[in-house]
């Protein structure tokens, strides 16, 4: 998921760049590229996407562009590329991503950072992801058993194990997706 935030600030460019780097390093990002136009930060990894329910460990890329308007007057654009657990964005994940973006603009514009609030929101998101997974497994397995049982009744032989495994996996993923979508609308 991509999100873009932009704002204007009147400040010395060296101090501005220093504040941006400090903010992202405190948040666990690593500066991977810097040039006269901007910077690129990275946090998390693809492995984090697969193994962790915590959005702080998921791969996130932030590209910062600093555009000079006048002397000591800059437009800052932050292009976030968030990844999520299982490719579906829940409302809790979206709230976390939006809060992460708001924290950046608030930190640079007003010198305020509430790291604890972001950590609490990340933990809340992690717990909601676990809840979705814990709920989708039994629903998906029961659905898969019904589909497999009905298929075996209609077939003369037994459904191959690989097909049954695929049906089970698909049922769990569909259950997860539906739970995320239903709870996002609520």
C-alpha atoms as a PDB file:
ATOM      1  CA  UNK A   1       0.000   0.000   0.000  1.00  0.00           C
ATOM      2  CA  UNK A   2       1.344   3.417  -0.928  1.00  0.00           C
ATOM      3  CA  UNK A   3       0.627   6.669   0.856  1.00  0.00           C
ATOM      4  CA  UNK A   4       1.944  10.140   0.190  1.00  0.00           C
ATOM      5  CA  UNK A   5       2.110  13.047   2.617  1.00  0.00           C
ATOM      6  CA  UNK A   6       3.368  16.506   1.853  1.00  0.00           C
ATOM      7  CA  UNK A   7       3.772  19.701   3.838  1.00  0.00           C
ATOM      8  CA  UNK A   8       5.683  22.957   3.868  1.00  0.00           C
ATOM      9  CA  UNK A   9       8.220  23.975   6.484  1.00  0.00           C
ATOM     10  CA  UNK A  10      10.437  26.970   7.007  1.00  0.00           C
ATOM     11  CA  UNK A  11      13.714  25.807   8.483  1.00  0.00           C
ATOM     12  CA  UNK A  12      17.413  25.507   7.809  1.00  0.00           C
ATOM     13  CA  UNK A  13      17.923  22.541   5.453  1.00  0.00           C
ATOM     14  CA  UNK A  14      20.744  20.989   7.502  1.00  0.00           C
ATOM     15  CA  UNK A  15      18.605  21.030  10.651  1.00  0.00           C
ATOM     16  CA  UNK A  16      15.639  19.737   8.694  1.00  0.00           C
ATOM     17  CA  UNK A  17      17.602  16.816   7.248  1.00  0.00           C
ATOM     18  CA  UNK A  18      19.043  16.060  10.686  1.00  0.00           C
ATOM     19  CA  UNK A  19      15.560  16.053  12.269  1.00  0.00           C
ATOM     20  CA  UNK A  20      14.193  13.764   9.551  1.00  0.00           C
ATOM     21  CA  UNK A  21      17.050  11.280   9.978  1.00  0.00           C
ATOM     22  CA  UNK A  22      16.669  11.322  13.781  1.00  0.00           C
ATOM     23  CA  UNK A  23      12.928  10.725  13.558  1.00  0.00           C
ATOM     24  CA  UNK A  24      13.249   7.708  11.296  1.00  0.00           C
ATOM     25  CA  UNK A  25      16.199   6.195  13.169  1.00  0.00           C
ATOM     26  CA  UNK A  26      14.260   6.425  16.452  1.00  0.00           C
ATOM     27  CA  UNK A  27      11.360   4.656  14.707  1.00  0.00           C
ATOM     28  CA  UNK A  28      13.656   1.773  13.664  1.00  0.00           C
ATOM     29  CA  UNK A  29      14.304   2.774  10.062  1.00  0.00           C
ATOM     30  CA  UNK A  30      17.689   2.577   8.359  1.00  0.00           C
ATOM     31  CA  UNK A  31      18.888   5.265   5.972  1.00  0.00           C
ATOM     32  CA  UNK A  32      19.673   3.376   2.754  1.00  0.00           C
ATOM     33  CA  UNK A  33      20.132   6.242   0.297  1.00  0.00           C
ATOM     34  CA  UNK A  34      20.641   9.994   0.496  1.00  0.00           C
ATOM     35  CA  UNK A  35      21.255  12.659  -2.105  1.00  0.00           C
ATOM     36  CA  UNK A  36      20.631  16.379  -2.620  1.00  0.00           C
ATOM     37  CA  UNK A  37      16.940  15.828  -3.439  1.00  0.00           C
ATOM     38  CA  UNK A  38      16.036  13.515  -0.569  1.00  0.00           C
ATOM     39  CA  UNK A  39      16.497  10.286   1.324  1.00  0.00           C
ATOM     40  CA  UNK A  40      15.261   6.710   1.380  1.00  0.00           C
ATOM     41  CA  UNK A  41      14.626   4.795   4.602  1.00  0.00           C
ATOM     42  CA  UNK A  42      13.890   1.098   5.115  1.00  0.00           C
ATOM     43  CA  UNK A  43      12.400  -0.765   8.065  1.00  0.00           C
ATOM     44  CA  UNK A  44      11.532  -4.421   8.451  1.00  0.00           C
ATOM     45  CA  UNK A  45      11.836  -7.168   5.870  1.00  0.00           C
ATOM     46  CA  UNK A  46       9.864  -9.571   3.717  1.00  0.00           C
ATOM     47  CA  UNK A  47      10.578 -12.262   6.328  1.00  0.00           C
ATOM     48  CA  UNK A  48       8.972  -9.950   8.895  1.00  0.00           C
ATOM     49  CA  UNK A  49       5.864  -9.820   6.698  1.00  0.00           C
ATOM     50  CA  UNK A  50       5.634 -13.594   6.718  1.00  0.00           C
ATOM     51  CA  UNK A  51       6.583 -14.340  10.324  1.00  0.00           C
ATOM     52  CA  UNK A  52       5.391 -11.384  12.381  1.00  0.00           C
ATOM     53  CA  UNK A  53       1.983  -9.939  13.125  1.00  0.00           C
ATOM     54  CA  UNK A  54       3.572  -6.664  14.268  1.00  0.00           C
ATOM     55  CA  UNK A  55       3.509  -3.986  11.523  1.00  0.00           C
ATOM     56  CA  UNK A  56       6.782  -2.493  12.787  1.00  0.00           C
ATOM     57  CA  UNK A  57       8.578  -5.637  11.556  1.00  0.00           C
ATOM     58  CA  UNK A  58       6.985  -5.553   8.096  1.00  0.00           C
ATOM     59  CA  UNK A  59       8.911  -4.156   5.171  1.00  0.00           C
ATOM     60  CA  UNK A  60       8.335  -0.426   4.833  1.00  0.00           C
ATOM     61  CA  UNK A  61      10.129   1.939   2.477  1.00  0.00           C
ATOM     62  CA  UNK A  62       9.935   5.709   2.875  1.00  0.00           C
ATOM     63  CA  UNK A  63      11.209   8.026   0.175  1.00  0.00           C
ATOM     64  CA  UNK A  64      11.624  11.617   1.335  1.00  0.00           C
ATOM     65  CA  UNK A  65      11.847  14.405  -1.216  1.00  0.00           C
ATOM     66  CA  UNK A  66      12.853  17.900  -0.115  1.00  0.00           C
ATOM     67  CA  UNK A  67      11.976  20.620  -2.623  1.00  0.00           C
ATOM     68  CA  UNK A  68      13.289  24.130  -2.068  1.00  0.00           C
ATOM     69  CA  UNK A  69      10.730  26.893  -2.670  1.00  0.00           C
ATOM     70  CA  UNK A  70      12.666  29.855  -1.343  1.00  0.00           C
ATOM     71  CA  UNK A  71      15.466  30.450   1.101  1.00  0.00           C
ATOM     72  CA  UNK A  72      14.623  28.497   4.293  1.00  0.00           C
ATOM     73  CA  UNK A  73      11.291  27.420   2.772  1.00  0.00           C
ATOM     74  CA  UNK A  74      10.906  23.762   1.746  1.00  0.00           C
ATOM     75  CA  UNK A  75       8.165  21.408   0.637  1.00  0.00           C
ATOM     76  CA  UNK A  76       8.622  17.926   2.060  1.00  0.00           C
ATOM     77  CA  UNK A  77       7.052  14.892   0.421  1.00  0.00           C
ATOM     78  CA  UNK A  78       7.138  11.503   2.108  1.00  0.00           C
ATOM     79  CA  UNK A  79       6.139   8.560  -0.080  1.00  0.00           C
ATOM     80  CA  UNK A  80       5.432   5.512   2.102  1.00  0.00           C
ATOM     81  CA  UNK A  81       5.345   1.992   0.680  1.00  0.00           C
ATOM     82  CA  UNK A  82       3.810  -0.183   3.377  1.00  0.00           C
ATOM     83  CA  UNK A  83       3.507  -3.928   3.107  1.00  0.00           C
ATOM     84  CA  UNK A  84       1.119  -5.969   5.187  1.00  0.00           C
ATOM     85  CA  UNK A  85       0.536  -9.417   6.595  1.00  0.00           C
ATOM     86  CA  UNK A  86      -0.997 -11.736   3.962  1.00  0.00           C
ATOM     87  CA  UNK A  87      -1.532  -8.867   1.466  1.00  0.00           C
ATOM     88  CA  UNK A  88      -4.842  -7.784   3.031  1.00  0.00           C
ATOM     89  CA  UNK A  89      -5.066  -4.431   4.820  1.00  0.00           C
ATOM     90  CA  UNK A  90      -7.251  -4.467   7.931  1.00  0.00           C
ATOM     91  CA  UNK A  91      -8.720  -1.306   9.421  1.00  0.00           C
ATOM     92  CA  UNK A  92      -6.275  -1.577  12.327  1.00  0.00           C
ATOM     93  CA  UNK A  93      -3.321  -1.767   9.927  1.00  0.00           C
ATOM     94  CA  UNK A  94      -4.627   1.223   7.993  1.00  0.00           C
ATOM     95  CA  UNK A  95      -4.997   3.168  11.268  1.00  0.00           C
ATOM     96  CA  UNK A  96      -1.412   2.286  12.213  1.00  0.00           C
ATOM     97  CA  UNK A  97      -0.065   3.363   8.813  1.00  0.00           C
ATOM     98  CA  UNK A  98      -1.975   6.660   8.997  1.00  0.00           C
ATOM     99  CA  UNK A  99      -0.706   7.307  12.521  1.00  0.00           C
ATOM    100  CA  UNK A 100       2.858   6.585  11.388  1.00  0.00           C
ATOM    101  CA  UNK A 101       2.475   9.217   8.670  1.00  0.00           C
ATOM    102  CA  UNK A 102       0.873  11.728  11.044  1.00  0.00           C
ATOM    103  CA  UNK A 103       3.676  11.184  13.560  1.00  0.00           C
ATOM    104  CA  UNK A 104       6.245  12.155  10.932  1.00  0.00           C
ATOM    105  CA  UNK A 105       4.555  15.405   9.964  1.00  0.00           C
ATOM    106  CA  UNK A 106       3.874  16.259  13.616  1.00  0.00           C
ATOM    107  CA  UNK A 107       7.486  15.533  14.580  1.00  0.00           C
ATOM    108  CA  UNK A 108       8.938  17.708  11.839  1.00  0.00           C
ATOM    109  CA  UNK A 109       6.416  20.550  12.031  1.00  0.00           C
ATOM    110  CA  UNK A 110       5.788  20.693  15.788  1.00  0.00           C
ATOM    111  CA  UNK A 111       8.749  18.774  17.287  1.00  0.00           C
ATOM    112  CA  UNK A 112       6.330  16.311  18.945  1.00  0.00           C
ATOM    113  CA  UNK A 113       6.787  12.559  18.854  1.00  0.00           C
ATOM    114  CA  UNK A 114       4.712  10.135  20.903  1.00  0.00           C
ATOM    115  CA  UNK A 115       6.675   6.923  20.393  1.00  0.00           C
ATOM    116  CA  UNK A 116       4.663   5.124  23.074  1.00  0.00           C
ATOM    117  CA  UNK A 117       1.390   5.811  21.268  1.00  0.00           C
ATOM    118  CA  UNK A 118       2.795   4.366  18.036  1.00  0.00           C
ATOM    119  CA  UNK A 119       4.123   1.303  19.893  1.00  0.00           C
ATOM    120  CA  UNK A 120       0.722   0.776  21.549  1.00  0.00           C
ATOM    121  CA  UNK A 121      -1.009   1.081  18.192  1.00  0.00           C
ATOM    122  CA  UNK A 122       1.435  -1.443  16.690  1.00  0.00           C
ATOM    123  CA  UNK A 123       0.682  -3.863  19.538  1.00  0.00           C
ATOM    124  CA  UNK A 124      -3.063  -3.349  19.059  1.00  0.00           C
ATOM    125  CA  UNK A 125      -2.656  -4.066  15.344  1.00  0.00           C
ATOM    126  CA  UNK A 126      -0.627  -7.179  16.127  1.00  0.00           C
ATOM    127  CA  UNK A 127      -3.333  -8.449  18.497  1.00  0.00           C
ATOM    128  CA  UNK A 128      -6.086  -7.800  15.968  1.00  0.00           C
ATOM    129  CA  UNK A 129      -4.107  -9.692  13.303  1.00  0.00           C
ATOM    130  CA  UNK A 130      -3.757 -12.629  15.692  1.00  0.00           C
ATOM    131  CA  UNK A 131      -7.503 -12.477  16.358  1.00  0.00           C
ATOM    132  CA  UNK A 132      -8.229 -12.579  12.618  1.00  0.00           C
ATOM    133  CA  UNK A 133      -5.899 -15.546  12.132  1.00  0.00           C
ATOM    134  CA  UNK A 134      -7.191 -17.418  15.181  1.00  0.00           C
ATOM    135  CA  UNK A 135     -10.751 -16.967  13.944  1.00  0.00           C
ATOM    136  CA  UNK A 136     -10.067 -17.708  10.279  1.00  0.00           C
ATOM    137  CA  UNK A 137      -8.344 -21.047  10.956  1.00  0.00           C
ATOM    138  CA  UNK A 138     -11.336 -22.897  12.440  1.00  0.00           C
ATOM    139  CA  UNK A 139     -13.770 -21.290   9.990  1.00  0.00           C
ATOM    140  CA  UNK A 140     -11.509 -22.133   7.033  1.00  0.00           C
ATOM    141  CA  UNK A 141     -10.870 -25.693   8.205  1.00  0.00           C
ATOM    142  CA  UNK A 142     -14.568 -26.400   8.793  1.00  0.00           C
ATOM    143  CA  UNK A 143     -15.423 -24.930   5.379  1.00  0.00           C
ATOM    144  CA  UNK A 144     -12.662 -26.999   3.759  1.00  0.00           C
ATOM    145  CA  UNK A 145     -13.876 -30.182   5.466  1.00  0.00           C
ATOM    146  CA  UNK A 146     -17.391 -29.581   4.156  1.00  0.00           C
ATOM    147  CA  UNK A 147     -16.097 -28.937   0.619  1.00  0.00           C
ATOM    148  CA  UNK A 148     -13.781 -31.964   0.715  1.00  0.00           C
ATOM    149  CA  UNK A 149     -16.505 -34.212   2.135  1.00  0.00           C
ATOM    150  CA  UNK A 150     -19.013 -33.066  -0.514  1.00  0.00           C
ATOM    151  CA  UNK A 151     -16.423 -33.517  -3.282  1.00  0.00           C
ATOM    152  CA  UNK A 152     -15.566 -37.028  -2.075  1.00  0.00           C
ATOM    153  CA  UNK A 153     -19.262 -37.929  -2.069  1.00  0.00           C
ATOM    154  CA  UNK A 154     -19.643 -36.732  -5.662  1.00  0.00           C
ATOM    155  CA  UNK A 155     -16.428 -38.369  -6.902  1.00  0.00           C
ATOM    156  CA  UNK A 156     -16.004 -42.085  -7.314  1.00  0.00           C
ATOM    157  CA  UNK A 157     -12.575 -42.019  -5.672  1.00  0.00           C
ATOM    158  CA  UNK A 158     -11.031 -39.999  -2.904  1.00  0.00           C
ATOM    159  CA  UNK A 159      -9.809 -36.440  -3.476  1.00  0.00           C
ATOM    160  CA  UNK A 160      -5.977 -36.362  -3.698  1.00  0.00           C
ATOM    161  CA  UNK A 161      -4.198 -35.024  -0.612  1.00  0.00           C
ATOM    162  CA  UNK A 162      -2.626 -32.146  -2.529  1.00  0.00           C
ATOM    163  CA  UNK A 163      -6.057 -30.994  -3.741  1.00  0.00           C
ATOM    164  CA  UNK A 164      -7.462 -31.275  -0.206  1.00  0.00           C
ATOM    165  CA  UNK A 165      -4.516 -29.243   1.106  1.00  0.00           C
ATOM    166  CA  UNK A 166      -5.080 -26.557  -1.525  1.00  0.00           C
ATOM    167  CA  UNK A 167      -8.779 -26.385  -0.685  1.00  0.00           C
ATOM    168  CA  UNK A 168      -7.936 -26.053   3.014  1.00  0.00           C
ATOM    169  CA  UNK A 169      -5.362 -23.316   2.422  1.00  0.00           C
ATOM    170  CA  UNK A 170      -7.687 -21.408   0.119  1.00  0.00           C
ATOM    171  CA  UNK A 171     -10.548 -21.718   2.612  1.00  0.00           C
ATOM    172  CA  UNK A 172      -8.395 -20.305   5.414  1.00  0.00           C
ATOM    173  CA  UNK A 173      -7.185 -17.399   3.238  1.00  0.00           C
ATOM    174  CA  UNK A 174     -10.698 -16.600   2.050  1.00  0.00           C
ATOM    175  CA  UNK A 175     -11.947 -16.723   5.654  1.00  0.00           C
ATOM    176  CA  UNK A 176      -9.158 -14.349   6.710  1.00  0.00           C
ATOM    177  CA  UNK A 177      -9.939 -11.990   3.833  1.00  0.00           C
ATOM    178  CA  UNK A 178     -13.668 -11.961   4.611  1.00  0.00           C
ATOM    179  CA  UNK A 179     -13.047 -11.338   8.320  1.00  0.00           C
ATOM    180  CA  UNK A 180     -10.755  -8.406   7.509  1.00  0.00           C
ATOM    181  CA  UNK A 181     -13.275  -6.924   5.058  1.00  0.00           C
ATOM    182  CA  UNK A 182     -16.256  -7.386   7.372  1.00  0.00           C
ATOM    183  CA  UNK A 183     -14.438  -5.833  10.337  1.00  0.00           C
ATOM    184  CA  UNK A 184     -13.107  -2.963   8.207  1.00  0.00           C
ATOM    185  CA  UNK A 185     -16.666  -1.951   7.312  1.00  0.00           C
ATOM    186  CA  UNK A 186     -17.944  -2.238  10.877  1.00  0.00           C
END
